[in-house]
Structures are given as structure tokens and as C-alpha cells.
All heavy atoms as atom14 arrays in JSON, in Angstrom:
{
  "sequence": "ELEMYVDNMWANINRYKDFNMSHIHGESDWSFCYYVSVPTNSGNIVFS",
  "atom14_mask": [
    [1, 1, 1, 1, 1, 1, 1, 1, 1, 0, 0, 0, 0, 0],
    [1, 1, 1, 1, 1, 1, 1, 1, 0, 0, 0, 0, 0, 0],
    [1, 1, 1, 1, 1, 1, 1, 1, 1, 0, 0, 0, 0, 0],
    [1, 1, 1, 1, 1, 1, 1, 1, 0, 0, 0, 0, 0, 0],
    [1, 1, 1, 1, 1, 1, 1, 1, 1, 1, 1, 1, 0, 0],
    [1, 1, 1, 1, 1, 1, 1, 0, 0, 0, 0, 0, 0, 0],
    [1, 1, 1, 1, 1, 1, 1, 1, 0, 0, 0, 0, 0, 0],
    [1, 1, 1, 1, 1, 1, 1, 1, 0, 0, 0, 0, 0, 0],
    [1, 1, 1, 1, 1, 1, 1, 1, 0, 0, 0, 0, 0, 0],
    [1, 1, 1, 1, 1, 1, 1, 1, 1, 1, 1, 1, 1, 1],
    [1, 1, 1, 1, 1, 0, 0, 0, 0, 0, 0, 0, 0, 0],
    [1, 1, 1, 1, 1, 1, 1, 1, 0, 0, 0, 0, 0, 0],
    [1, 1, 1, 1, 1, 1, 1, 1, 0, 0, 0, 0, 0, 0],
    [1, 1, 1, 1, 1, 1, 1, 1, 0, 0, 0, 0, 0, 0],
    [1, 1, 1, 1, 1, 1, 1, 1, 1, 1, 1, 0, 0, 0],
    [1, 1, 1, 1, 1, 1, 1, 1, 1, 1, 1, 1, 0, 0],
    [1, 1, 1, 1, 1, 1, 1, 1, 1, 0, 0, 0, 0, 0],
    [1, 1, 1, 1, 1, 1, 1, 1, 0, 0, 0, 0, 0, 0],
    [1, 1, 1, 1, 1, 1, 1, 1, 1, 1, 1, 0, 0, 0],
    [1, 1, 1, 1, 1, 1, 1, 1, 0, 0, 0, 0, 0, 0],
    [1, 1, 1, 1, 1, 1, 1, 1, 0, 0, 0, 0, 0, 0],
    [1, 1, 1, 1, 1, 1, 0, 0, 0, 0, 0, 0, 0, 0],
    [1, 1, 1, 1, 1, 1, 1, 1, 1, 1, 0, 0, 0, 0],
    [1, 1, 1, 1, 1, 1, 1, 1, 0, 0, 0, 0, 0, 0],
    [1, 1, 1, 1, 1, 1, 1, 1, 1, 1, 0, 0, 0, 0],
    [1, 1, 1, 1, 0, 0, 0, 0, 0, 0, 0, 0, 0, 0],
    [1, 1, 1, 1, 1, 1, 1, 1, 1, 0, 0, 0, 0, 0],
    [1, 1, 1, 1, 1, 1, 0, 0, 0, 0, 0, 0, 0, 0],
    [1, 1, 1, 1, 1, 1, 1, 1, 0, 0, 0, 0, 0, 0],
    [1, 1, 1, 1, 1, 1, 1, 1, 1, 1, 1, 1, 1, 1],
    [1, 1, 1, 1, 1, 1, 0, 0, 0, 0, 0, 0, 0, 0],
    [1, 1, 1, 1, 1, 1, 1, 1, 1, 1, 1, 0, 0, 0],
    [1, 1, 1, 1, 1, 1, 0, 0, 0, 0, 0, 0, 0, 0],
    [1, 1, 1, 1, 1, 1, 1, 1, 1, 1, 1, 1, 0, 0],
    [1, 1, 1, 1, 1, 1, 1, 1, 1, 1, 1, 1, 0, 0],
    [1, 1, 1, 1, 1, 1, 1, 0, 0, 0, 0, 0, 0, 0],
    [1, 1, 1, 1, 1, 1, 0, 0, 0, 0, 0, 0, 0, 0],
    [1, 1, 1, 1, 1, 1, 1, 0, 0, 0, 0, 0, 0, 0],
    [1, 1, 1, 1, 1, 1, 1, 0, 0, 0, 0, 0, 0, 0],
    [1, 1, 1, 1, 1, 1, 1, 0, 0, 0, 0, 0, 0, 0],
    [1, 1, 1, 1, 1, 1, 1, 1, 0, 0, 0, 0, 0, 0],
    [1, 1, 1, 1, 1, 1, 0, 0, 0, 0, 0, 0, 0, 0],
    [1, 1, 1, 1, 0, 0, 0, 0, 0, 0, 0, 0, 0, 0],
    [1, 1, 1, 1, 1, 1, 1, 1, 0, 0, 0, 0, 0, 0],
    [1, 1, 1, 1, 1, 1, 1, 1, 0, 0, 0, 0, 0, 0],
    [1, 1, 1, 1, 1, 1, 1, 0, 0, 0, 0, 0, 0, 0],
    [1, 1, 1, 1, 1, 1, 1, 1, 1, 1, 1, 0, 0, 0],
    [1, 1, 1, 1, 1, 1, 0, 0, 0, 0, 0, 0, 0, 0]
  ],
  "atom14_positions": [
    [[-32.62, 25.79, 30.08], [-33.44, 26.11, 31.26], [-33.12, 25.22, 32.47], [-33.72, 25.39, 33.54], [-34.93, 26.0, 30.92], [-35.4, 24.59, 30.56], [-35.33, 24.29, 29.09], [-34.5, 24.91, 28.39], [-36.11, 23.45, 28.63], [0.0, 0.0, 0.0], [0.0, 0.0, 0.0], [0.0, 0.0, 0.0], [0.0, 0.0, 0.0], [0.0, 0.0, 0.0]],
    [[-32.21, 24.29, 32.29], [-31.89, 23.38, 33.4], [-31.33, 24.16, 34.58], [-30.49, 25.06, 34.42], [-30.86, 22.35, 32.93], [-30.58, 21.19, 33.89], [-31.74, 20.21, 33.87], [-29.28, 20.49, 33.53], [0.0, 0.0, 0.0], [0.0, 0.0, 0.0], [0.0, 0.0, 0.0], [0.0, 0.0, 0.0], [0.0, 0.0, 0.0], [0.0, 0.0, 0.0]],
    [[-31.78, 23.82, 35.77], [-31.29, 24.44, 37.0], [-30.45, 23.45, 37.78], [-30.76, 22.25, 37.82], [-32.46, 24.9, 37.86], [-33.3, 25.99, 37.24], [-34.46, 26.4, 38.14], [-34.75, 25.66, 39.12], [-35.09, 27.43, 37.84], [0.0, 0.0, 0.0], [0.0, 0.0, 0.0], [0.0, 0.0, 0.0], [0.0, 0.0, 0.0], [0.0, 0.0, 0.0]],
    [[-29.37, 23.92, 38.36], [-28.55, 23.09, 39.23], [-28.47, 23.74, 40.6], [-28.48, 24.97, 40.72], [-27.15, 22.86, 38.66], [-26.22, 24.08, 38.64], [-25.41, 24.49, 40.21], [-24.28, 23.15, 40.4], [0.0, 0.0, 0.0], [0.0, 0.0, 0.0], [0.0, 0.0, 0.0], [0.0, 0.0, 0.0], [0.0, 0.0, 0.0], [0.0, 0.0, 0.0]],
    [[-28.45, 22.92, 41.62], [-28.22, 23.48, 42.95], [-27.46, 22.46, 43.79], [-27.55, 21.25, 43.58], [-29.53, 23.9, 43.64], [-30.48, 22.78, 43.93], [-30.5, 22.13, 45.17], [-31.44, 22.37, 42.99], [-31.4, 21.12, 45.45], [-32.33, 21.35, 43.27], [-32.31, 20.74, 44.49], [-33.19, 19.73, 44.78], [0.0, 0.0, 0.0], [0.0, 0.0, 0.0]],
    [[-26.66, 22.98, 44.71], [-25.91, 22.13, 45.63], [-26.87, 21.69, 46.73], [-27.34, 22.5, 47.5], [-24.69, 22.88, 46.21], [-23.96, 21.98, 47.2], [-23.75, 23.32, 45.1], [0.0, 0.0, 0.0], [0.0, 0.0, 0.0], [0.0, 0.0, 0.0], [0.0, 0.0, 0.0], [0.0, 0.0, 0.0], [0.0, 0.0, 0.0], [0.0, 0.0, 0.0]],
    [[-27.17, 20.41, 46.75], [-28.18, 19.88, 47.65], [-27.66, 19.75, 49.08], [-28.35, 20.09, 50.04], [-28.64, 18.52, 47.15], [-29.72, 17.89, 48.03], [-30.69, 18.61, 48.34], [-29.59, 16.72, 48.41], [0.0, 0.0, 0.0], [0.0, 0.0, 0.0], [0.0, 0.0, 0.0], [0.0, 0.0, 0.0], [0.0, 0.0, 0.0], [0.0, 0.0, 0.0]],
    [[-26.45, 19.25, 49.23], [-25.85, 19.13, 50.54], [-24.32, 19.18, 50.43], [-23.76, 18.98, 49.35], [-26.3, 17.85, 51.28], [-26.01, 16.6, 50.47], [-25.56, 16.65, 49.32], [-26.26, 15.44, 51.05], [0.0, 0.0, 0.0], [0.0, 0.0, 0.0], [0.0, 0.0, 0.0], [0.0, 0.0, 0.0], [0.0, 0.0, 0.0], [0.0, 0.0, 0.0]],
    [[-23.68, 19.46, 51.55], [-22.22, 19.64, 51.55], [-21.7, 19.41, 52.95], [-22.33, 19.84, 53.92], [-21.88, 21.05, 51.05], [-20.43, 21.27, 50.7], [-20.18, 22.84, 49.8], [-20.38, 24.02, 51.16], [0.0, 0.0, 0.0], [0.0, 0.0, 0.0], [0.0, 0.0, 0.0], [0.0, 0.0, 0.0], [0.0, 0.0, 0.0], [0.0, 0.0, 0.0]],
    [[-20.56, 18.74, 53.08], [-20.02, 18.41, 54.39], [-18.51, 18.44, 54.36], [-17.88, 18.35, 53.3], [-20.52, 17.04, 54.84], [-20.1, 15.89, 53.94], [-19.02, 15.1, 54.06], [-20.77, 15.47, 52.74], [-18.96, 14.18, 53.03], [-20.04, 14.39, 52.21], [-21.92, 15.89, 52.07], [-20.4, 13.73, 51.05], [-22.29, 15.23, 50.9], [-21.55, 14.17, 50.41]],
    [[-17.9, 18.55, 55.53], [-16.45, 18.59, 55.66], [-15.94, 17.2, 56.07], [-16.61, 16.44, 56.75], [-16.03, 19.63, 56.7], [0.0, 0.0, 0.0], [0.0, 0.0, 0.0], [0.0, 0.0, 0.0], [0.0, 0.0, 0.0], [0.0, 0.0, 0.0], [0.0, 0.0, 0.0], [0.0, 0.0, 0.0], [0.0, 0.0, 0.0], [0.0, 0.0, 0.0]],
    [[-14.72, 16.89, 55.61], [-14.04, 15.62, 55.93], [-12.68, 15.91, 56.53], [-11.94, 16.75, 56.02], [-13.85, 14.79, 54.66], [-15.09, 14.64, 53.84], [-15.99, 13.88, 54.17], [-15.16, 15.39, 52.73], [0.0, 0.0, 0.0], [0.0, 0.0, 0.0], [0.0, 0.0, 0.0], [0.0, 0.0, 0.0], [0.0, 0.0, 0.0], [0.0, 0.0, 0.0]],
    [[-12.35, 15.18, 57.6], [-11.0, 15.22, 58.16], [-10.49, 13.79, 58.28], [-11.1, 12.98, 58.98], [-10.98, 15.9, 59.54], [-11.47, 17.34, 59.44], [-9.55, 15.86, 60.1], [-11.51, 18.08, 60.79], [0.0, 0.0, 0.0], [0.0, 0.0, 0.0], [0.0, 0.0, 0.0], [0.0, 0.0, 0.0], [0.0, 0.0, 0.0], [0.0, 0.0, 0.0]],
    [[-9.42, 13.5, 57.58], [-8.78, 12.19, 57.7], [-7.38, 12.37, 58.26], [-6.55, 13.05, 57.66], [-8.69, 11.49, 56.33], [-9.98, 10.82, 55.93], [-11.05, 11.15, 56.43], [-9.88, 9.84, 55.04], [0.0, 0.0, 0.0], [0.0, 0.0, 0.0], [0.0, 0.0, 0.0], [0.0, 0.0, 0.0], [0.0, 0.0, 0.0], [0.0, 0.0, 0.0]],
    [[-7.16, 11.76, 59.42], [-5.84, 11.79, 60.03], [-5.07, 10.51, 59.72], [-5.46, 9.74, 58.85], [-5.98, 12.03, 61.53], [-6.46, 13.44, 61.87], [-6.38, 13.73, 63.36], [-6.51, 15.15, 63.66], [-7.63, 15.83, 63.68], [-8.76, 15.19, 63.44], [-7.65, 17.11, 63.96], [0.0, 0.0, 0.0], [0.0, 0.0, 0.0], [0.0, 0.0, 0.0]],
    [[-3.99, 10.31, 60.41], [-3.08, 9.18, 60.12], [-3.85, 7.85, 60.07], [-4.58, 7.51, 61.0], [-2.01, 9.11, 61.2], [-1.01, 7.99, 61.04], [-0.23, 7.89, 59.89], [-0.86, 7.03, 62.03], [0.7, 6.85, 59.75], [0.06, 5.99, 61.89], [0.82, 5.92, 60.74], [1.73, 4.89, 60.59], [0.0, 0.0, 0.0], [0.0, 0.0, 0.0]],
    [[-3.7, 7.15, 58.96], [-4.3, 5.84, 58.66], [-5.8, 5.88, 58.37], [-6.39, 4.84, 58.06], [-4.01, 4.83, 59.79], [-2.55, 4.42, 59.89], [-2.37, 3.29, 60.9], [-0.91, 2.82, 60.93], [-0.74, 1.71, 61.89], [0.0, 0.0, 0.0], [0.0, 0.0, 0.0], [0.0, 0.0, 0.0], [0.0, 0.0, 0.0], [0.0, 0.0, 0.0]],
    [[-6.44, 7.03, 58.46], [-7.86, 7.12, 58.12], [-8.04, 7.01, 56.61], [-7.21, 7.48, 55.84], [-8.45, 8.45, 58.6], [-8.42, 8.59, 60.11], [-8.33, 7.56, 60.79], [-8.51, 9.75, 60.59], [0.0, 0.0, 0.0], [0.0, 0.0, 0.0], [0.0, 0.0, 0.0], [0.0, 0.0, 0.0], [0.0, 0.0, 0.0], [0.0, 0.0, 0.0]],
    [[-9.16, 6.39, 56.19], [-9.44, 6.26, 54.77], [-10.95, 6.16, 54.56], [-11.72, 6.1, 55.53], [-8.74, 5.03, 54.18], [-9.21, 3.7, 54.7], [-10.17, 2.97, 54.03], [-8.69, 3.19, 55.88], [-10.61, 1.73, 54.51], [-9.12, 1.95, 56.38], [-10.09, 1.23, 55.7], [0.0, 0.0, 0.0], [0.0, 0.0, 0.0], [0.0, 0.0, 0.0]],
    [[-11.36, 6.14, 53.29], [-12.78, 6.0, 52.95], [-12.97, 4.79, 52.05], [-12.29, 4.65, 51.03], [-13.3, 7.25, 52.23], [-13.35, 8.45, 53.14], [-12.32, 8.99, 53.52], [-14.54, 8.88, 53.48], [0.0, 0.0, 0.0], [0.0, 0.0, 0.0], [0.0, 0.0, 0.0], [0.0, 0.0, 0.0], [0.0, 0.0, 0.0], [0.0, 0.0, 0.0]],
    [[-13.92, 3.95, 52.42], [-14.24, 2.77, 51.63], [-14.9, 3.17, 50.31], [-15.43, 4.28, 50.18], [-15.16, 1.83, 52.42], [-14.55, 1.3, 53.69], [-15.67, 0.16, 54.56], [-16.99, 1.3, 55.03], [0.0, 0.0, 0.0], [0.0, 0.0, 0.0], [0.0, 0.0, 0.0], [0.0, 0.0, 0.0], [0.0, 0.0, 0.0], [0.0, 0.0, 0.0]],
    [[-14.92, 2.25, 49.37], [-15.53, 2.5, 48.08], [-17.02, 2.74, 48.23], [-17.72, 2.01, 48.93], [-15.27, 1.3, 47.15], [-15.64, 1.61, 45.85], [0.0, 0.0, 0.0], [0.0, 0.0, 0.0], [0.0, 0.0, 0.0], [0.0, 0.0, 0.0], [0.0, 0.0, 0.0], [0.0, 0.0, 0.0], [0.0, 0.0, 0.0], [0.0, 0.0, 0.0]],
    [[-17.52, 3.77, 47.54], [-18.93, 4.15, 47.68], [-19.35, 5.02, 46.51], [-18.53, 5.5, 45.73], [-19.16, 4.9, 49.0], [-18.42, 6.19, 49.08], [-17.05, 6.27, 49.27], [-18.84, 7.48, 48.97], [-16.67, 7.53, 49.31], [-17.74, 8.28, 49.11], [0.0, 0.0, 0.0], [0.0, 0.0, 0.0], [0.0, 0.0, 0.0], [0.0, 0.0, 0.0]],
    [[-20.66, 5.23, 46.39], [-21.22, 6.2, 45.45], [-22.06, 7.2, 46.24], [-22.27, 7.03, 47.43], [-22.09, 5.5, 44.36], [-23.28, 4.79, 45.02], [-21.26, 4.52, 43.54], [-24.29, 4.26, 44.02], [0.0, 0.0, 0.0], [0.0, 0.0, 0.0], [0.0, 0.0, 0.0], [0.0, 0.0, 0.0], [0.0, 0.0, 0.0], [0.0, 0.0, 0.0]],
    [[-22.55, 8.22, 45.55], [-23.4, 9.21, 46.19], [-24.79, 9.07, 45.59], [-25.05, 9.56, 44.48], [-22.86, 10.62, 45.98], [-21.57, 10.88, 46.67], [-21.15, 12.15, 47.01], [-20.6, 10.05, 47.11], [-19.97, 12.09, 47.62], [-19.62, 10.81, 47.66], [0.0, 0.0, 0.0], [0.0, 0.0, 0.0], [0.0, 0.0, 0.0], [0.0, 0.0, 0.0]],
    [[-25.68, 8.42, 46.28], [-27.01, 8.16, 45.78], [-27.92, 9.39, 45.81], [-27.66, 10.37, 46.51], [0.0, 0.0, 0.0], [0.0, 0.0, 0.0], [0.0, 0.0, 0.0], [0.0, 0.0, 0.0], [0.0, 0.0, 0.0], [0.0, 0.0, 0.0], [0.0, 0.0, 0.0], [0.0, 0.0, 0.0], [0.0, 0.0, 0.0], [0.0, 0.0, 0.0]],
    [[-29.0, 9.32, 45.02], [-30.05, 10.34, 45.01], [-29.52, 11.73, 44.62], [-30.05, 12.76, 45.09], [-30.76, 10.4, 46.35], [-31.43, 9.08, 46.74], [-32.19, 9.17, 48.04], [-32.23, 10.27, 48.62], [-32.73, 8.16, 48.49], [0.0, 0.0, 0.0], [0.0, 0.0, 0.0], [0.0, 0.0, 0.0], [0.0, 0.0, 0.0], [0.0, 0.0, 0.0]],
    [[-28.51, 11.77, 43.78], [-28.02, 13.04, 43.25], [-27.49, 12.78, 41.84], [-27.35, 11.64, 41.4], [-26.93, 13.64, 44.15], [-25.88, 12.72, 44.36], [0.0, 0.0, 0.0], [0.0, 0.0, 0.0], [0.0, 0.0, 0.0], [0.0, 0.0, 0.0], [0.0, 0.0, 0.0], [0.0, 0.0, 0.0], [0.0, 0.0, 0.0], [0.0, 0.0, 0.0]],
    [[-27.19, 13.87, 41.12], [-26.77, 13.75, 39.73], [-25.26, 13.87, 39.56], [-24.65, 13.1, 38.82], [-27.47, 14.82, 38.9], [-28.98, 14.64, 38.91], [-29.45, 13.61, 38.41], [-29.68, 15.55, 39.41], [0.0, 0.0, 0.0], [0.0, 0.0, 0.0], [0.0, 0.0, 0.0], [0.0, 0.0, 0.0], [0.0, 0.0, 0.0], [0.0, 0.0, 0.0]],
    [[-24.68, 14.84, 40.23], [-23.23, 15.03, 40.21], [-22.75, 15.23, 41.63], [-23.51, 15.63, 42.52], [-22.86, 16.26, 39.37], [-23.11, 16.1, 37.91], [-24.31, 16.27, 37.26], [-22.16, 15.74, 36.91], [-24.15, 16.04, 35.92], [-22.85, 15.71, 35.67], [-20.79, 15.44, 36.94], [-22.21, 15.39, 34.47], [-20.16, 15.13, 35.75], [-20.85, 15.1, 34.53]],
    [[-21.48, 14.98, 41.86], [-20.88, 15.16, 43.18], [-19.53, 15.88, 43.01], [-19.01, 15.99, 41.89], [-20.67, 13.82, 43.88], [-21.91, 13.17, 44.08], [0.0, 0.0, 0.0], [0.0, 0.0, 0.0], [0.0, 0.0, 0.0], [0.0, 0.0, 0.0], [0.0, 0.0, 0.0], [0.0, 0.0, 0.0], [0.0, 0.0, 0.0], [0.0, 0.0, 0.0]],
    [[-19.0, 16.36, 44.1], [-17.73, 17.08, 44.02], [-16.95, 16.93, 45.32], [-17.49, 16.57, 46.37], [-17.96, 18.57, 43.72], [-18.73, 19.31, 44.78], [-18.09, 19.89, 45.87], [-20.11, 19.42, 44.7], [-18.8, 20.57, 46.85], [-20.83, 20.09, 45.66], [-20.17, 20.68, 46.74], [0.0, 0.0, 0.0], [0.0, 0.0, 0.0], [0.0, 0.0, 0.0]],
    [[-15.67, 17.21, 45.2], [-14.8, 17.25, 46.37], [-13.84, 18.41, 46.18], [-13.22, 18.56, 45.11], [-14.03, 15.93, 46.53], [-13.03, 15.86, 48.05], [0.0, 0.0, 0.0], [0.0, 0.0, 0.0], [0.0, 0.0, 0.0], [0.0, 0.0, 0.0], [0.0, 0.0, 0.0], [0.0, 0.0, 0.0], [0.0, 0.0, 0.0], [0.0, 0.0, 0.0]],
    [[-13.73, 19.25, 47.2], [-12.8, 20.38, 47.2], [-11.78, 20.18, 48.31], [-12.15, 19.89, 49.46], [-13.54, 21.71, 47.4], [-12.61, 22.88, 47.5], [-12.06, 23.45, 46.37], [-12.23, 23.38, 48.75], [-11.15, 24.5, 46.45], [-11.33, 24.42, 48.85], [-10.8, 24.98, 47.7], [-9.91, 26.0, 47.81], [0.0, 0.0, 0.0], [0.0, 0.0, 0.0]],
    [[-10.5, 20.37, 47.99], [-9.44, 20.1, 48.95], [-8.97, 21.38, 49.62], [-8.5, 22.32, 48.98], [-8.27, 19.39, 48.27], [-8.65, 17.98, 47.85], [-9.11, 17.72, 46.55], [-8.63, 16.94, 48.75], [-9.49, 16.46, 46.18], [-9.01, 15.66, 48.39], [-9.44, 15.43, 47.1], [-9.84, 14.17, 46.74], [0.0, 0.0, 0.0], [0.0, 0.0, 0.0]],
    [[-9.1, 21.38, 50.95], [-8.75, 22.54, 51.77], [-7.31, 22.47, 52.25], [-6.56, 23.46, 52.21], [-9.71, 22.65, 52.96], [-9.29, 23.78, 53.9], [-11.14, 22.82, 52.5], [0.0, 0.0, 0.0], [0.0, 0.0, 0.0], [0.0, 0.0, 0.0], [0.0, 0.0, 0.0], [0.0, 0.0, 0.0], [0.0, 0.0, 0.0], [0.0, 0.0, 0.0]],
    [[-6.9, 21.3, 52.72], [-5.54, 21.11, 53.26], [-5.07, 19.71, 52.91], [-5.73, 18.73, 53.26], [-5.56, 21.32, 54.78], [-4.24, 21.18, 55.31], [0.0, 0.0, 0.0], [0.0, 0.0, 0.0], [0.0, 0.0, 0.0], [0.0, 0.0, 0.0], [0.0, 0.0, 0.0], [0.0, 0.0, 0.0], [0.0, 0.0, 0.0], [0.0, 0.0, 0.0]],
    [[-3.93, 19.62, 52.23], [-3.44, 18.33, 51.72], [-1.95, 18.15, 52.04], [-1.09, 18.62, 51.3], [-3.67, 18.2, 50.2], [-3.23, 16.82, 49.73], [-5.11, 18.47, 49.85], [0.0, 0.0, 0.0], [0.0, 0.0, 0.0], [0.0, 0.0, 0.0], [0.0, 0.0, 0.0], [0.0, 0.0, 0.0], [0.0, 0.0, 0.0], [0.0, 0.0, 0.0]],
    [[-1.63, 17.46, 53.12], [-0.22, 17.17, 53.39], [0.29, 16.11, 52.43], [-0.48, 15.39, 51.8], [-0.24, 16.64, 54.84], [-1.64, 16.13, 55.03], [-2.53, 17.0, 54.19], [0.0, 0.0, 0.0], [0.0, 0.0, 0.0], [0.0, 0.0, 0.0], [0.0, 0.0, 0.0], [0.0, 0.0, 0.0], [0.0, 0.0, 0.0], [0.0, 0.0, 0.0]],
    [[1.59, 16.01, 52.31], [2.21, 15.01, 51.45], [1.88, 13.6, 51.93], [1.82, 13.36, 53.14], [3.74, 15.21, 51.41], [4.03, 16.55, 50.99], [4.4, 14.24, 50.46], [0.0, 0.0, 0.0], [0.0, 0.0, 0.0], [0.0, 0.0, 0.0], [0.0, 0.0, 0.0], [0.0, 0.0, 0.0], [0.0, 0.0, 0.0], [0.0, 0.0, 0.0]],
    [[1.63, 12.7, 50.99], [1.34, 11.28, 51.3], [0.06, 11.12, 52.13], [-0.01, 10.23, 53.0], [2.5, 10.63, 52.04], [3.76, 10.54, 51.18], [3.67, 10.31, 49.98], [4.92, 10.73, 51.8], [0.0, 0.0, 0.0], [0.0, 0.0, 0.0], [0.0, 0.0, 0.0], [0.0, 0.0, 0.0], [0.0, 0.0, 0.0], [0.0, 0.0, 0.0]],
    [[-0.93, 11.93, 51.85], [-2.19, 11.83, 52.61], [-3.26, 11.05, 51.85], [-4.4, 10.97, 52.32], [-2.7, 13.22, 52.97], [-2.92, 14.02, 51.83], [0.0, 0.0, 0.0], [0.0, 0.0, 0.0], [0.0, 0.0, 0.0], [0.0, 0.0, 0.0], [0.0, 0.0, 0.0], [0.0, 0.0, 0.0], [0.0, 0.0, 0.0], [0.0, 0.0, 0.0]],
    [[-2.92, 10.48, 50.68], [-3.85, 9.58, 50.0], [-4.55, 10.19, 48.8], [-5.0, 11.33, 48.86], [0.0, 0.0, 0.0], [0.0, 0.0, 0.0], [0.0, 0.0, 0.0], [0.0, 0.0, 0.0], [0.0, 0.0, 0.0], [0.0, 0.0, 0.0], [0.0, 0.0, 0.0], [0.0, 0.0, 0.0], [0.0, 0.0, 0.0], [0.0, 0.0, 0.0]],
    [[-4.63, 9.41, 47.72], [-5.37, 9.82, 46.52], [-6.84, 9.49, 46.65], [-7.23, 8.63, 47.43], [-4.82, 9.09, 45.28], [-3.41, 9.5, 44.94], [-2.89, 10.47, 45.47], [-2.81, 8.75, 44.03], [0.0, 0.0, 0.0], [0.0, 0.0, 0.0], [0.0, 0.0, 0.0], [0.0, 0.0, 0.0], [0.0, 0.0, 0.0], [0.0, 0.0, 0.0]],
    [[-7.66, 10.15, 45.85], [-9.03, 9.71, 45.63], [-8.96, 8.78, 44.42], [-8.35, 9.1, 43.41], [-9.99, 10.88, 45.41], [-11.42, 10.37, 45.26], [-9.57, 11.77, 44.25], [-12.48, 11.46, 45.27], [0.0, 0.0, 0.0], [0.0, 0.0, 0.0], [0.0, 0.0, 0.0], [0.0, 0.0, 0.0], [0.0, 0.0, 0.0], [0.0, 0.0, 0.0]],
    [[-9.58, 7.61, 44.51], [-9.46, 6.57, 43.49], [-10.84, 6.22, 42.94], [-11.74, 5.81, 43.7], [-8.79, 5.3, 44.04], [-8.67, 4.24, 42.96], [-7.41, 5.64, 44.62], [0.0, 0.0, 0.0], [0.0, 0.0, 0.0], [0.0, 0.0, 0.0], [0.0, 0.0, 0.0], [0.0, 0.0, 0.0], [0.0, 0.0, 0.0], [0.0, 0.0, 0.0]],
    [[-11.02, 6.4, 41.64], [-12.28, 6.11, 40.98], [-12.23, 4.74, 40.32], [-11.19, 4.33, 39.78], [-12.6, 7.17, 39.93], [-12.79, 8.54, 40.51], [-11.72, 9.42, 40.61], [-14.02, 8.94, 40.98], [-11.89, 10.69, 41.17], [-14.21, 10.2, 41.53], [-13.14, 11.07, 41.63], [0.0, 0.0, 0.0], [0.0, 0.0, 0.0], [0.0, 0.0, 0.0]],
    [[-13.36, 4.01, 40.34], [-13.43, 2.67, 39.78], [-14.25, 2.68, 38.48], [-15.22, 3.42, 38.35], [-14.09, 1.71, 40.78], [-13.33, 1.61, 41.96], [0.0, 0.0, 0.0], [0.0, 0.0, 0.0], [0.0, 0.0, 0.0], [0.0, 0.0, 0.0], [0.0, 0.0, 0.0], [0.0, 0.0, 0.0], [0.0, 0.0, 0.0], [0.0, 0.0, 0.0]]
  ]
}
């Protein structure tokens, strides 16, 4: 009977040298990332 719903969702654009600092997603249970456009050498997502 468990229900799941997508609480919020946003778009990200990282250009040359842009990056994201280490972080978590608070006040939620699961998170996701979907890749729309990925040029070569544009950076991995790294989990700790």
C-alpha cells in the first residue's frame, strides 16, 4: 500500500568548469538524476 510521489524536480546546466559540491537531499526518501545532454568529459557524479 506504500505510495510514492515525486515531490520536486529541477533542471541543471553546468558549463565549462562548473561543478557541484558534495551534498545530500534532505527531507526526502529517494532522489534521482536524469541526463538530458552529456558532452564528453563533462564530469561524473561521485557518491561518497
